[in-house]
Protein backbone atom coordinates (compact mmCIF):
# COMPACT_ATOMS: atom_id res chain seq x y z
CA MET A 1 0.00 0.00 0.00
CA ARG A 2 1.30 3.44 -0.84
CA ILE A 3 0.04 6.67 0.66
CA GLY A 4 1.68 9.69 -0.96
CA ARG A 5 5.43 9.25 -0.64
CA LYS A 6 5.20 7.30 2.59
CA GLN A 7 4.81 3.55 2.37
CA ILE A 8 2.97 1.91 5.24
CA MET A 9 4.04 -1.64 6.03
CA LEU A 10 1.02 -3.61 7.15
CA ASP A 11 2.56 -7.08 7.55
CA THR A 12 3.91 -7.33 11.08
CA SER A 13 3.98 -11.14 11.33
CA TRP A 14 7.77 -10.94 11.66
CA GLN A 15 7.28 -9.54 15.17
CA GLU A 16 6.36 -13.01 16.44
CA LEU A 17 9.99 -14.09 15.84
CA ALA A 18 11.66 -11.05 17.40
CA ASN A 19 14.17 -11.35 20.26
CA CYS A 20 12.35 -8.51 22.01
CA LEU A 21 9.07 -10.39 22.25
CA GLY A 22 8.19 -10.39 25.94
CA VAL A 23 10.90 -7.86 26.87
CA ASP A 24 9.81 -4.71 28.69
CA PRO A 25 9.09 -2.15 25.92
CA ASP A 26 10.49 0.66 28.10
CA LEU A 27 13.95 -0.79 27.40
CA PHE A 28 13.55 0.21 23.73
CA PHE A 29 12.30 3.72 24.50
CA PRO A 30 14.94 5.12 26.86
CA GLU A 31 14.70 8.63 28.19
CA ARG A 32 16.67 11.27 26.34
CA GLY A 33 20.38 10.85 26.99
CA ALA A 34 19.97 7.39 28.55
CA SER A 35 21.95 4.43 27.26
CA THR A 36 20.60 2.37 24.36
CA ARG A 37 23.20 -0.36 24.85
CA GLU A 38 20.90 -2.91 26.52
CA ALA A 39 18.20 -2.55 23.88
CA LYS A 40 20.74 -2.90 21.09
CA GLU A 41 22.12 -6.05 22.77
CA VAL A 42 18.65 -7.62 22.56
CA CYS A 43 18.60 -6.77 18.84
CA LYS A 44 21.99 -8.37 18.15
CA GLY A 45 21.53 -11.65 16.37
CA CYS A 46 17.76 -11.19 16.03
CA VAL A 47 16.55 -13.03 12.93
CA VAL A 48 14.04 -10.28 12.09
CA ARG A 49 16.30 -7.31 12.78
CA ASP A 50 16.24 -6.16 9.13
CA HIS A 51 12.43 -6.42 8.99
CA CYS A 52 12.19 -4.37 12.17
CA LEU A 53 14.51 -1.68 10.84
CA GLU A 54 12.68 -1.48 7.50
CA TYR A 55 9.35 -1.26 9.33
CA ALA A 56 10.62 1.70 11.35
CA LEU A 57 12.03 3.41 8.26
CA ALA A 58 8.88 2.86 6.20
CA ASN A 59 6.60 4.07 8.96
CA GLY A 60 8.67 7.03 10.08
CA GLU A 61 9.18 5.82 13.64
CA LYS A 62 10.65 8.80 15.46
CA PHE A 63 11.38 7.24 18.83
CA GLY A 64 12.96 4.14 20.23
CA ILE A 65 15.32 1.43 19.11
CA TRP A 66 14.15 -0.43 16.01
CA GLY A 67 16.26 -3.02 14.24
CA GLY A 68 19.10 -2.24 16.62
CA MET A 69 19.24 1.43 15.61
CA SER A 70 18.35 4.69 17.28
CA GLU A 71 16.37 7.47 15.61
CA ARG A 72 19.61 9.32 14.86
CA GLU A 73 21.02 6.24 13.12
CA ARG A 74 17.77 5.70 11.19
CA ARG A 75 17.78 9.36 10.14
CA ARG A 76 21.24 8.84 8.60
CA ILE A 77 19.93 5.85 6.64
CA ARG A 78 16.92 7.82 5.38
CA ARG A 79 19.18 10.68 4.36
CA SER A 80 21.64 8.43 2.50
CA ARG A 81 18.79 6.65 0.72
CA SER A 82 17.32 9.99 -0.28
CA VAL A 83 20.66 11.12 -1.68
CA ALA A 84 21.00 7.84 -3.58
CA ARG A 85 17.50 8.26 -5.09
CA GLN A 86 18.27 11.82 -6.12
CA ALA A 87 21.45 10.63 -7.82
CA GLN A 88 19.30 8.38 -10.04
CA PRO A 89 16.88 10.79 -11.79
CA GLY A 90 14.91 8.08 -13.61
CA VAL A 91 14.28 6.21 -10.37
CA ALA A 92 13.28 9.33 -8.44
CA ALA A 93 10.80 10.36 -11.15
CA SER A 94 9.15 6.93 -11.15
CA ILE A 95 8.90 6.92 -7.34
CA GLU A 96 7.24 10.32 -7.25
CA THR A 97 4.63 9.37 -9.84
CA ALA A 98 3.75 6.06 -8.17
């Protein structure tokens, strides 16, 4: 499903296989300036880590640790992907018209 430029991922079945299933969600939403190390440790080796990260990127998650990455780290990925799309004019034009 595509809504404007933002793609919403509806399939969340991958979450049933996540290492974080059953872990206190507060661990993944630390207060500003608090350590994210423990949350990222849970993500290490998770078989659905990539799905989790892509879900967060596609849905514009602004807070928390998703796919082992903080919002700052996800912002860098979004920025680099945007730059890559802009470097390929034919691809960018087809994305905008979709």
